[in-house]
Amino acid sequence: MITNLPTVTDDLIVKLRQASENRGVWVYFLLKTAHDKGYDIEDFGRRAIRALGRSNRSQYPDTDDLRIFVAAFMADTPKKLFEMELIRLDDREAKIDFHYCPMCGAWTRLTRDQRFLEKICDIAMDVDRGLFDTYDCFEFSLGKTICQGHGVCEITIRKK
């Protein structure tokens, strides 16, 4: 069972979450329609969303210092939006838990198909994979996710 309840209720954050949920609805209907028509959503969905992630590079510092990158990645607004918690940070590795996902919130209102939820969640995470494609010095990995029924989305950023 998916538990995905926000606790941060600042007006700005609520509005940003609504915008993120709307993007989640777009992603859902695009991927669902393609899936229902027999298209390989793994191929085009991942390529498109990964390209979006690469295009986000300008929003982050040009650095090979993990601490500097994590400070930007966990800036105040995204930290509140996703209710991020820094679990561990050293010079080689950062572990961050996301306690809330607006897109998952939108998707669970649209379907109860657990396998499809997990698939579109993983495809959506290609936005972060795409971002990390642009860094020669960092690698990104995804652990447990809210869409899988876990209480958090676990991400790890490592120095290569």
C-alpha atoms as a PDB file:
ATOM      1  CA  MET A   1       0.000   0.000   0.000  1.00  0.00           C
ATOM      2  CA  ILE A   2       1.304   3.419  -0.939  1.00  0.00           C
ATOM      3  CA  THR A   3       1.531   6.029   1.789  1.00  0.00           C
ATOM      4  CA  ASN A   4       2.401   9.444   0.414  1.00  0.00           C
ATOM      5  CA  LEU A   5       1.158  12.212   2.686  1.00  0.00           C
ATOM      6  CA  PRO A   6       2.659  15.704   2.707  1.00  0.00           C
ATOM      7  CA  THR A   7       3.414  17.434   5.981  1.00  0.00           C
ATOM      8  CA  VAL A   8       4.859  20.733   4.706  1.00  0.00           C
ATOM      9  CA  THR A   9       1.924  23.028   3.948  1.00  0.00           C
ATOM     10  CA  ASP A  10       3.463  26.401   3.040  1.00  0.00           C
ATOM     11  CA  ASP A  11       1.308  28.171   0.428  1.00  0.00           C
ATOM     12  CA  LEU A  12       4.131  28.320  -2.126  1.00  0.00           C
ATOM     13  CA  ILE A  13       4.984  24.644  -1.656  1.00  0.00           C
ATOM     14  CA  VAL A  14       1.339  23.623  -2.043  1.00  0.00           C
ATOM     15  CA  LYS A  15       1.135  25.562  -5.325  1.00  0.00           C
ATOM     16  CA  LEU A  16       4.391  24.059  -6.592  1.00  0.00           C
ATOM     17  CA  ARG A  17       3.144  20.595  -5.683  1.00  0.00           C
ATOM     18  CA  GLN A  18      -0.024  21.222  -7.671  1.00  0.00           C
ATOM     19  CA  ALA A  19       2.117  22.128 -10.685  1.00  0.00           C
ATOM     20  CA  SER A  20       4.218  18.994 -10.178  1.00  0.00           C
ATOM     21  CA  GLU A  21       1.074  16.878  -9.865  1.00  0.00           C
ATOM     22  CA  ASN A  22      -0.149  18.375 -13.140  1.00  0.00           C
ATOM     23  CA  ARG A  23       3.114  17.338 -14.813  1.00  0.00           C
ATOM     24  CA  GLY A  24       2.579  13.893 -13.305  1.00  0.00           C
ATOM     25  CA  VAL A  25      -0.875  13.730 -14.889  1.00  0.00           C
ATOM     26  CA  TRP A  26       0.659  14.627 -18.279  1.00  0.00           C
ATOM     27  CA  VAL A  27       3.314  11.928 -17.870  1.00  0.00           C
ATOM     28  CA  TYR A  28       0.675   9.405 -16.820  1.00  0.00           C
ATOM     29  CA  PHE A  29      -1.675   9.999 -19.744  1.00  0.00           C
ATOM     30  CA  LEU A  30       1.119  10.146 -22.321  1.00  0.00           C
ATOM     31  CA  LEU A  31       2.662   6.895 -21.099  1.00  0.00           C
ATOM     32  CA  LYS A  32      -0.685   5.166 -20.476  1.00  0.00           C
ATOM     33  CA  THR A  33      -1.998   6.023 -23.937  1.00  0.00           C
ATOM     34  CA  ALA A  34       1.233   4.847 -25.563  1.00  0.00           C
ATOM     35  CA  HIS A  35       1.211   1.666 -23.462  1.00  0.00           C
ATOM     36  CA  ASP A  36      -2.414   0.926 -24.365  1.00  0.00           C
ATOM     37  CA  LYS A  37      -1.588   1.361 -28.064  1.00  0.00           C
ATOM     38  CA  GLY A  38       1.272  -1.129 -27.748  1.00  0.00           C
ATOM     39  CA  TYR A  39       4.190   1.284 -27.871  1.00  0.00           C
ATOM     40  CA  ASP A  40       7.382   0.605 -25.959  1.00  0.00           C
ATOM     41  CA  ILE A  41       7.151   3.237 -23.228  1.00  0.00           C
ATOM     42  CA  GLU A  42      10.484   2.111 -21.838  1.00  0.00           C
ATOM     43  CA  ASP A  43      12.169   3.326 -25.006  1.00  0.00           C
ATOM     44  CA  PHE A  44      10.595   6.643 -25.921  1.00  0.00           C
ATOM     45  CA  GLY A  45       9.496   7.578 -22.385  1.00  0.00           C
ATOM     46  CA  ARG A  46      12.942   7.112 -20.932  1.00  0.00           C
ATOM     47  CA  ARG A  47      14.669   8.878 -23.829  1.00  0.00           C
ATOM     48  CA  ALA A  48      12.354  11.889 -23.585  1.00  0.00           C
ATOM     49  CA  ILE A  49      12.469  12.238 -19.813  1.00  0.00           C
ATOM     50  CA  ARG A  50      16.217  11.658 -19.669  1.00  0.00           C
ATOM     51  CA  ALA A  51      16.642  14.458 -22.230  1.00  0.00           C
ATOM     52  CA  LEU A  52      14.571  16.697 -19.957  1.00  0.00           C
ATOM     53  CA  GLY A  53      16.929  15.863 -17.095  1.00  0.00           C
ATOM     54  CA  ARG A  54      19.974  16.757 -19.183  1.00  0.00           C
ATOM     55  CA  SER A  55      18.327  20.066 -20.073  1.00  0.00           C
ATOM     56  CA  ASN A  56      18.056  20.893 -16.360  1.00  0.00           C
ATOM     57  CA  ARG A  57      21.855  21.032 -15.987  1.00  0.00           C
ATOM     58  CA  SER A  58      21.954  24.838 -16.062  1.00  0.00           C
ATOM     59  CA  GLN A  59      20.051  24.918 -12.764  1.00  0.00           C
ATOM     60  CA  TYR A  60      22.923  23.232 -10.911  1.00  0.00           C
ATOM     61  CA  PRO A  61      26.495  24.265 -10.149  1.00  0.00           C
ATOM     62  CA  ASP A  62      29.418  23.335 -12.332  1.00  0.00           C
ATOM     63  CA  THR A  63      31.298  21.495  -9.614  1.00  0.00           C
ATOM     64  CA  ASP A  64      32.905  18.198  -8.753  1.00  0.00           C
ATOM     65  CA  ASP A  65      32.442  18.859  -5.028  1.00  0.00           C
ATOM     66  CA  LEU A  66      29.661  16.615  -3.776  1.00  0.00           C
ATOM     67  CA  ARG A  67      28.848  18.868  -0.839  1.00  0.00           C
ATOM     68  CA  ILE A  68      28.364  21.887  -3.102  1.00  0.00           C
ATOM     69  CA  PHE A  69      26.188  19.886  -5.480  1.00  0.00           C
ATOM     70  CA  VAL A  70      24.007  18.469  -2.683  1.00  0.00           C
ATOM     71  CA  ALA A  71      23.506  21.955  -1.220  1.00  0.00           C
ATOM     72  CA  ALA A  72      22.081  23.071  -4.583  1.00  0.00           C
ATOM     73  CA  PHE A  73      20.095  19.860  -5.114  1.00  0.00           C
ATOM     74  CA  MET A  74      18.550  20.248  -1.660  1.00  0.00           C
ATOM     75  CA  ALA A  75      17.914  23.985  -1.838  1.00  0.00           C
ATOM     76  CA  ASP A  76      15.101  25.152   0.403  1.00  0.00           C
ATOM     77  CA  THR A  77      12.221  24.957  -2.109  1.00  0.00           C
ATOM     78  CA  PRO A  78      12.875  21.460  -3.537  1.00  0.00           C
ATOM     79  CA  LYS A  79      13.743  20.248  -0.051  1.00  0.00           C
ATOM     80  CA  LYS A  80      10.295  21.305   1.166  1.00  0.00           C
ATOM     81  CA  LEU A  81       8.513  20.238  -2.025  1.00  0.00           C
ATOM     82  CA  PHE A  82       9.723  16.634  -1.772  1.00  0.00           C
ATOM     83  CA  GLU A  83      10.251  16.688   1.998  1.00  0.00           C
ATOM     84  CA  MET A  84      13.869  15.655   1.507  1.00  0.00           C
ATOM     85  CA  GLU A  85      15.953  14.395   4.383  1.00  0.00           C
ATOM     86  CA  LEU A  86      19.715  14.239   4.175  1.00  0.00           C
ATOM     87  CA  ILE A  87      20.553  10.837   5.642  1.00  0.00           C
ATOM     88  CA  ARG A  88      24.298  10.969   5.093  1.00  0.00           C
ATOM     89  CA  LEU A  89      26.824  13.209   3.386  1.00  0.00           C
ATOM     90  CA  ASP A  90      30.563  12.926   3.145  1.00  0.00           C
ATOM     91  CA  ASP A  91      33.069  13.722   0.419  1.00  0.00           C
ATOM     92  CA  ARG A  92      32.278  10.505  -1.495  1.00  0.00           C
ATOM     93  CA  GLU A  93      28.559   9.806  -1.026  1.00  0.00           C
ATOM     94  CA  ALA A  94      25.223  11.436  -0.258  1.00  0.00           C
ATOM     95  CA  LYS A  95      22.090   9.551   0.750  1.00  0.00           C
ATOM     96  CA  ILE A  96      18.833  11.470   0.546  1.00  0.00           C
ATOM     97  CA  ASP A  97      15.317  10.286   1.360  1.00  0.00           C
ATOM     98  CA  PHE A  98      12.291  11.887  -0.263  1.00  0.00           C
ATOM     99  CA  HIS A  99       9.300  11.589   2.063  1.00  0.00           C
ATOM    100  CA  TYR A 100       6.741  12.927  -0.412  1.00  0.00           C
ATOM    101  CA  CYS A 101       6.258  12.735  -4.181  1.00  0.00           C
ATOM    102  CA  PRO A 102       3.630  14.955  -5.836  1.00  0.00           C
ATOM    103  CA  MET A 103       3.688  12.924  -9.055  1.00  0.00           C
ATOM    104  CA  CYS A 104       3.048   9.689  -7.161  1.00  0.00           C
ATOM    105  CA  GLY A 105       0.170  11.486  -5.458  1.00  0.00           C
ATOM    106  CA  ALA A 106      -1.356  12.277  -8.843  1.00  0.00           C
ATOM    107  CA  TRP A 107      -0.747   8.794 -10.242  1.00  0.00           C
ATOM    108  CA  THR A 108      -2.388   6.996  -7.330  1.00  0.00           C
ATOM    109  CA  ARG A 109      -5.546   8.995  -7.970  1.00  0.00           C
ATOM    110  CA  LEU A 110      -5.531   7.814 -11.593  1.00  0.00           C
ATOM    111  CA  THR A 111      -4.809   4.081 -11.255  1.00  0.00           C
ATOM    112  CA  ARG A 112      -4.461   1.192  -8.823  1.00  0.00           C
ATOM    113  CA  ASP A 113      -2.278  -0.775 -11.259  1.00  0.00           C
ATOM    114  CA  GLN A 114       0.785  -1.265  -9.036  1.00  0.00           C
ATOM    115  CA  ARG A 115       3.037  -2.562 -11.820  1.00  0.00           C
ATOM    116  CA  PHE A 116       2.237   0.406 -14.038  1.00  0.00           C
ATOM    117  CA  LEU A 117       2.779   2.839 -11.148  1.00  0.00           C
ATOM    118  CA  GLU A 118       6.205   1.380 -10.464  1.00  0.00           C
ATOM    119  CA  LYS A 119       7.106   1.492 -14.157  1.00  0.00           C
ATOM    120  CA  ILE A 120       6.110   5.119 -14.731  1.00  0.00           C
ATOM    121  CA  CYS A 121       7.789   6.124 -11.472  1.00  0.00           C
ATOM    122  CA  ASP A 122      11.052   4.564 -12.598  1.00  0.00           C
ATOM    123  CA  ILE A 123      10.730   6.167 -16.026  1.00  0.00           C
ATOM    124  CA  ALA A 124      10.045   9.549 -14.378  1.00  0.00           C
ATOM    125  CA  MET A 125      13.231   9.141 -12.328  1.00  0.00           C
ATOM    126  CA  ASP A 126      15.118   9.346 -15.616  1.00  0.00           C
ATOM    127  CA  VAL A 127      14.876  13.109 -15.147  1.00  0.00           C
ATOM    128  CA  ASP A 128      17.463  12.715 -12.376  1.00  0.00           C
ATOM    129  CA  ARG A 129      19.413  10.097 -14.309  1.00  0.00           C
ATOM    130  CA  GLY A 130      19.575  12.558 -17.205  1.00  0.00           C
ATOM    131  CA  LEU A 131      20.845  15.316 -14.944  1.00  0.00           C
ATOM    132  CA  PHE A 132      23.608  13.057 -13.662  1.00  0.00           C
ATOM    133  CA  ASP A 133      24.509  12.070 -17.229  1.00  0.00           C
ATOM    134  CA  THR A 134      25.834  15.626 -17.521  1.00  0.00           C
ATOM    135  CA  TYR A 135      28.311  15.184 -14.645  1.00  0.00           C
ATOM    136  CA  ASP A 136      31.480  13.185 -15.240  1.00  0.00           C
ATOM    137  CA  CYS A 137      32.207  13.108 -11.527  1.00  0.00           C
ATOM    138  CA  PHE A 138      28.876  11.911 -10.020  1.00  0.00           C
ATOM    139  CA  GLU A 139      26.663   8.889 -10.367  1.00  0.00           C
ATOM    140  CA  PHE A 140      23.058   8.511  -9.277  1.00  0.00           C
ATOM    141  CA  SER A 141      21.255   5.454  -7.992  1.00  0.00           C
ATOM    142  CA  LEU A 142      17.681   4.918  -6.947  1.00  0.00           C
ATOM    143  CA  GLY A 143      16.763   2.603  -4.103  1.00  0.00           C
ATOM    144  CA  LYS A 144      13.310   2.003  -2.688  1.00  0.00           C
ATOM    145  CA  THR A 145      10.467   4.225  -3.873  1.00  0.00           C
ATOM    146  CA  ILE A 146       7.151   5.466  -2.579  1.00  0.00           C
ATOM    147  CA  CYS A 147       5.436   3.998  -5.663  1.00  0.00           C
ATOM    148  CA  GLN A 148       6.770   0.578  -4.631  1.00  0.00           C
ATOM    149  CA  GLY A 149       4.955   0.997  -1.315  1.00  0.00           C
ATOM    150  CA  HIS A 150       7.916   2.172   0.745  1.00  0.00           C
ATOM    151  CA  GLY A 151       7.678   5.209   2.982  1.00  0.00           C
ATOM    152  CA  VAL A 152      10.392   7.068   1.073  1.00  0.00           C
ATOM    153  CA  CYS A 153      12.243   7.325  -2.204  1.00  0.00           C
ATOM    154  CA  GLU A 154      15.904   6.638  -1.527  1.00  0.00           C
ATOM    155  CA  ILE A 155      18.515   8.214  -3.728  1.00  0.00           C
ATOM    156  CA  THR A 156      22.266   7.978  -3.538  1.00  0.00           C
ATOM    157  CA  ILE A 157      24.736  10.281  -5.238  1.00  0.00           C
ATOM    158  CA  ARG A 158      28.326   9.060  -5.376  1.00  0.00           C
ATOM    159  CA  LYS A 159      31.594  10.498  -6.561  1.00  0.00           C
ATOM    160  CA  LYS A 160      32.998   8.439  -9.430  1.00  0.00           C
END
